[in-house]
Amino acid sequence: MKLGTKALEGVATKAGETTGTKLTENGLNKAKAIWEKLFPKVEAKESAKEAA
């Protein structure tokens, strides 16, 4: 039974890593999309450039 438990732990660990990677990729993609929308507005305002 220990062999089955170890195998299950390994699968669960790998699934968690994959899920974390996908969540990170999705978050990064959303952040990039938001920045692409905001960047022209930031560049257009002198005060926003100073704040950055």
PDB file of N, CA and C in Angstrom:
ATOM      1  N   MET A   1       0.819  -1.193   0.000  1.00  0.00           N
ATOM      2  CA  MET A   1       0.000   0.000   0.000  1.00  0.00           C
ATOM      3  C   MET A   1       0.867   1.265   0.000  1.00  0.00           C
ATOM      4  N   LYS A   2       2.062   1.162   0.573  1.00  0.00           N
ATOM      5  CA  LYS A   2       2.938   2.323   0.599  1.00  0.00           C
ATOM      6  C   LYS A   2       3.341   2.747  -0.805  1.00  0.00           C
ATOM      7  N   LEU A   3       3.510   1.780  -1.692  1.00  0.00           N
ATOM      8  CA  LEU A   3       3.892   2.094  -3.067  1.00  0.00           C
ATOM      9  C   LEU A   3       2.808   2.934  -3.735  1.00  0.00           C
ATOM     10  N   GLY A   4       1.547   2.577  -3.528  1.00  0.00           N
ATOM     11  CA  GLY A   4       0.431   3.332  -4.103  1.00  0.00           C
ATOM     12  C   GLY A   4       0.359   4.741  -3.547  1.00  0.00           C
ATOM     13  N   THR A   5       0.610   4.873  -2.274  1.00  0.00           N
ATOM     14  CA  THR A   5       0.584   6.185  -1.627  1.00  0.00           C
ATOM     15  C   THR A   5       1.687   7.078  -2.175  1.00  0.00           C
ATOM     16  N   LYS A   6       2.876   6.514  -2.330  1.00  0.00           N
ATOM     17  CA  LYS A   6       3.999   7.287  -2.866  1.00  0.00           C
ATOM     18  C   LYS A   6       3.716   7.726  -4.301  1.00  0.00           C
ATOM     19  N   ALA A   7       3.147   6.842  -5.091  1.00  0.00           N
ATOM     20  CA  ALA A   7       2.821   7.177  -6.471  1.00  0.00           C
ATOM     21  C   ALA A   7       1.785   8.289  -6.512  1.00  0.00           C
ATOM     22  N   LEU A   8       0.790   8.188  -5.652  1.00  0.00           N
ATOM     23  CA  LEU A   8      -0.256   9.207  -5.598  1.00  0.00           C
ATOM     24  C   LEU A   8       0.308  10.556  -5.168  1.00  0.00           C
ATOM     25  N   GLU A   9       1.208  10.541  -4.203  1.00  0.00           N
ATOM     26  CA  GLU A   9       1.851  11.784  -3.766  1.00  0.00           C
ATOM     27  C   GLU A   9       2.631  12.422  -4.911  1.00  0.00           C
ATOM     28  N   GLY A  10       3.336  11.600  -5.681  1.00  0.00           N
ATOM     29  CA  GLY A  10       4.098  12.120  -6.811  1.00  0.00           C
ATOM     30  C   GLY A  10       3.211  12.737  -7.866  1.00  0.00           C
ATOM     31  N   VAL A  11       2.101  12.073  -8.156  1.00  0.00           N
ATOM     32  CA  VAL A  11       1.155  12.602  -9.145  1.00  0.00           C
ATOM     33  C   VAL A  11       0.555  13.911  -8.647  1.00  0.00           C
ATOM     34  N   ALA A  12       0.169  13.956  -7.386  1.00  0.00           N
ATOM     35  CA  ALA A  12      -0.425  15.167  -6.818  1.00  0.00           C
ATOM     36  C   ALA A  12       0.564  16.326  -6.835  1.00  0.00           C
ATOM     37  N   THR A  13       1.819  16.040  -6.527  1.00  0.00           N
ATOM     38  CA  THR A  13       2.853  17.077  -6.544  1.00  0.00           C
ATOM     39  C   THR A  13       3.029  17.637  -7.954  1.00  0.00           C
ATOM     40  N   LYS A  14       3.120  16.757  -8.922  1.00  0.00           N
ATOM     41  CA  LYS A  14       3.307  17.192 -10.311  1.00  0.00           C
ATOM     42  C   LYS A  14       2.097  17.983 -10.791  1.00  0.00           C
ATOM     43  N   ALA A  15       0.897  17.543 -10.433  1.00  0.00           N
ATOM     44  CA  ALA A  15      -0.317  18.261 -10.829  1.00  0.00           C
ATOM     45  C   ALA A  15      -0.331  19.653 -10.216  1.00  0.00           C
ATOM     46  N   GLY A  16       0.109  19.766  -8.977  1.00  0.00           N
ATOM     47  CA  GLY A  16       0.178  21.075  -8.321  1.00  0.00           C
ATOM     48  C   GLY A  16       1.170  21.993  -9.005  1.00  0.00           C
ATOM     49  N   GLU A  17       2.309  21.454  -9.402  1.00  0.00           N
ATOM     50  CA  GLU A  17       3.314  22.257 -10.105  1.00  0.00           C
ATOM     51  C   GLU A  17       2.770  22.753 -11.438  1.00  0.00           C
ATOM     52  N   THR A  18       2.109  21.868 -12.168  1.00  0.00           N
ATOM     53  CA  THR A  18       1.548  22.238 -13.466  1.00  0.00           C
ATOM     54  C   THR A  18       0.478  23.306 -13.307  1.00  0.00           C
ATOM     55  N   THR A  19      -0.382  23.135 -12.322  1.00  0.00           N
ATOM     56  CA  THR A  19      -1.440  24.117 -12.076  1.00  0.00           C
ATOM     57  C   THR A  19      -0.844  25.464 -11.707  1.00  0.00           C
ATOM     58  N   GLY A  20       0.168  25.459 -10.849  1.00  0.00           N
ATOM     59  CA  GLY A  20       0.817  26.704 -10.460  1.00  0.00           C
ATOM     60  C   GLY A  20       1.458  27.401 -11.642  1.00  0.00           C
ATOM     61  N   THR A  21       2.067  26.643 -12.533  1.00  0.00           N
ATOM     62  CA  THR A  21       2.697  27.211 -13.721  1.00  0.00           C
ATOM     63  C   THR A  21       1.643  27.846 -14.620  1.00  0.00           C
ATOM     64  N   LYS A  22       0.531  27.149 -14.827  1.00  0.00           N
ATOM     65  CA  LYS A  22      -0.534  27.679 -15.684  1.00  0.00           C
ATOM     66  C   LYS A  22      -1.124  28.951 -15.086  1.00  0.00           C
ATOM     67  N   LEU A  23      -1.322  28.955 -13.756  1.00  0.00           N
ATOM     68  CA  LEU A  23      -1.866  30.151 -13.111  1.00  0.00           C
ATOM     69  C   LEU A  23      -0.897  31.322 -13.250  1.00  0.00           C
ATOM     70  N   THR A  24       0.384  31.044 -13.117  1.00  0.00           N
ATOM     71  CA  THR A  24       1.390  32.095 -13.271  1.00  0.00           C
ATOM     72  C   THR A  24       1.394  32.632 -14.697  1.00  0.00           C
ATOM     73  N   GLU A  25       1.326  31.739 -15.673  1.00  0.00           N
ATOM     74  CA  GLU A  25       1.301  32.158 -17.077  1.00  0.00           C
ATOM     75  C   GLU A  25       0.059  32.999 -17.359  1.00  0.00           C
ATOM     76  N   ASN A  26      -1.087  32.574 -16.843  1.00  0.00           N
ATOM     77  CA  ASN A  26      -2.318  33.325 -17.068  1.00  0.00           C
ATOM     78  C   ASN A  26      -2.243  34.701 -16.429  1.00  0.00           C
ATOM     79  N   GLY A  27      -1.701  34.766 -15.228  1.00  0.00           N
ATOM     80  CA  GLY A  27      -1.560  36.050 -14.549  1.00  0.00           C
ATOM     81  C   GLY A  27      -0.615  36.978 -15.292  1.00  0.00           C
ATOM     82  N   LEU A  28       0.474  36.432 -15.795  1.00  0.00           N
ATOM     83  CA  LEU A  28       1.427  37.235 -16.551  1.00  0.00           C
ATOM     84  C   LEU A  28       0.803  37.747 -17.839  1.00  0.00           C
ATOM     85  N   ASN A  29       0.056  36.901 -18.520  1.00  0.00           N
ATOM     86  CA  ASN A  29      -0.605  37.317 -19.754  1.00  0.00           C
ATOM     87  C   ASN A  29      -1.624  38.415 -19.492  1.00  0.00           C
ATOM     88  N   LYS A  30      -2.363  38.316 -18.399  1.00  0.00           N
ATOM     89  CA  LYS A  30      -3.336  39.366 -18.058  1.00  0.00           C
ATOM     90  C   LYS A  30      -2.623  40.669 -17.727  1.00  0.00           C
ATOM     91  N   ALA A  31      -1.529  40.570 -16.979  1.00  0.00           N
ATOM     92  CA  ALA A  31      -0.771  41.776 -16.634  1.00  0.00           C
ATOM     93  C   ALA A  31      -0.225  42.451 -17.888  1.00  0.00           C
ATOM     94  N   LYS A  32       0.259  41.666 -18.836  1.00  0.00           N
ATOM     95  CA  LYS A  32       0.758  42.227 -20.097  1.00  0.00           C
ATOM     96  C   LYS A  32      -0.359  42.919 -20.866  1.00  0.00           C
ATOM     97  N   ALA A  33      -1.535  42.304 -20.903  1.00  0.00           N
ATOM     98  CA  ALA A  33      -2.672  42.891 -21.621  1.00  0.00           C
ATOM     99  C   ALA A  33      -3.084  44.220 -20.988  1.00  0.00           C
ATOM    100  N   ILE A  34      -3.093  44.260 -19.672  1.00  0.00           N
ATOM    101  CA  ILE A  34      -3.444  45.505 -18.980  1.00  0.00           C
ATOM    102  C   ILE A  34      -2.405  46.582 -19.262  1.00  0.00           C
ATOM    103  N   TRP A  35      -1.129  46.215 -19.198  1.00  0.00           N
ATOM    104  CA  TRP A  35      -0.076  47.192 -19.433  1.00  0.00           C
ATOM    105  C   TRP A  35      -0.122  47.717 -20.867  1.00  0.00           C
ATOM    106  N   GLU A  36      -0.432  46.853 -21.825  1.00  0.00           N
ATOM    107  CA  GLU A  36      -0.530  47.299 -23.214  1.00  0.00           C
ATOM    108  C   GLU A  36      -1.623  48.349 -23.385  1.00  0.00           C
ATOM    109  N   LYS A  37      -2.682  48.243 -22.601  1.00  0.00           N
ATOM    110  CA  LYS A  37      -3.757  49.247 -22.656  1.00  0.00           C
ATOM    111  C   LYS A  37      -3.351  50.530 -21.941  1.00  0.00           C
ATOM    112  N   LEU A  38      -2.632  50.396 -20.833  1.00  0.00           N
ATOM    113  CA  LEU A  38      -2.279  51.569 -20.037  1.00  0.00           C
ATOM    114  C   LEU A  38      -1.063  52.326 -20.556  1.00  0.00           C
ATOM    115  N   PHE A  39      -0.137  51.633 -21.182  1.00  0.00           N
ATOM    116  CA  PHE A  39       1.125  52.244 -21.585  1.00  0.00           C
ATOM    117  C   PHE A  39       0.951  53.509 -22.438  1.00  0.00           C
ATOM    118  N   PRO A  40       0.102  53.503 -23.476  1.00  0.00           N
ATOM    119  CA  PRO A  40      -0.051  54.739 -24.260  1.00  0.00           C
ATOM    120  C   PRO A  40      -0.552  55.912 -23.418  1.00  0.00           C
ATOM    121  N   LYS A  41      -1.399  55.642 -22.440  1.00  0.00           N
ATOM    122  CA  LYS A  41      -1.912  56.709 -21.577  1.00  0.00           C
ATOM    123  C   LYS A  41      -0.816  57.226 -20.655  1.00  0.00           C
ATOM    124  N   VAL A  42       0.020  56.336 -20.175  1.00  0.00           N
ATOM    125  CA  VAL A  42       1.125  56.752 -19.314  1.00  0.00           C
ATOM    126  C   VAL A  42       2.108  57.597 -20.111  1.00  0.00           C
ATOM    127  N   GLU A  43       2.417  57.176 -21.313  1.00  0.00           N
ATOM    128  CA  GLU A  43       3.350  57.919 -22.159  1.00  0.00           C
ATOM    129  C   GLU A  43       2.794  59.287 -22.550  1.00  0.00           C
ATOM    130  N   ALA A  44       1.483  59.421 -22.620  1.00  0.00           N
ATOM    131  CA  ALA A  44       0.870  60.673 -23.050  1.00  0.00           C
ATOM    132  C   ALA A  44       0.880  61.718 -21.942  1.00  0.00           C
ATOM    133  N   LYS A  45       1.006  61.325 -20.691  1.00  0.00           N
ATOM    134  CA  LYS A  45       0.937  62.263 -19.582  1.00  0.00           C
ATOM    135  C   LYS A  45       2.316  62.440 -18.948  1.00  0.00           C
ATOM    136  N   GLU A  46       2.758  63.666 -18.883  1.00  0.00           N
ATOM    137  CA  GLU A  46       4.060  63.970 -18.305  1.00  0.00           C
ATOM    138  C   GLU A  46       4.092  63.615 -16.823  1.00  0.00           C
ATOM    139  N   SER A  47       3.023  63.892 -16.090  1.00  0.00           N
ATOM    140  CA  SER A  47       3.007  63.592 -14.653  1.00  0.00           C
ATOM    141  C   SER A  47       3.078  62.085 -14.405  1.00  0.00           C
ATOM    142  N   ALA A  48       2.495  61.302 -15.285  1.00  0.00           N
ATOM    143  CA  ALA A  48       2.561  59.854 -15.129  1.00  0.00           C
ATOM    144  C   ALA A  48       3.989  59.362 -15.377  1.00  0.00           C
ATOM    145  N   LYS A  49       4.684  59.970 -16.303  1.00  0.00           N
ATOM    146  CA  LYS A  49       6.090  59.596 -16.566  1.00  0.00           C
ATOM    147  C   LYS A  49       6.946  59.890 -15.340  1.00  0.00           C
ATOM    148  N   GLU A  50       6.691  61.041 -14.689  1.00  0.00           N
ATOM    149  CA  GLU A  50       7.467  61.413 -13.507  1.00  0.00           C
ATOM    150  C   GLU A  50       7.201  60.438 -12.354  1.00  0.00           C
ATOM    151  N   ALA A  51       5.960  60.012 -12.227  1.00  0.00           N
ATOM    152  CA  ALA A  51       5.595  59.082 -11.153  1.00  0.00           C
ATOM    153  C   ALA A  51       6.221  57.713 -11.376  1.00  0.00           C
ATOM    154  N   ALA A  52       6.358  57.329 -12.622  1.00  0.00           N
ATOM    155  CA  ALA A  52       6.923  56.012 -12.917  1.00  0.00           C
ATOM    156  C   ALA A  52       8.405  56.068 -12.700  1.00  0.00           C
TER     157      ALA A  52
END
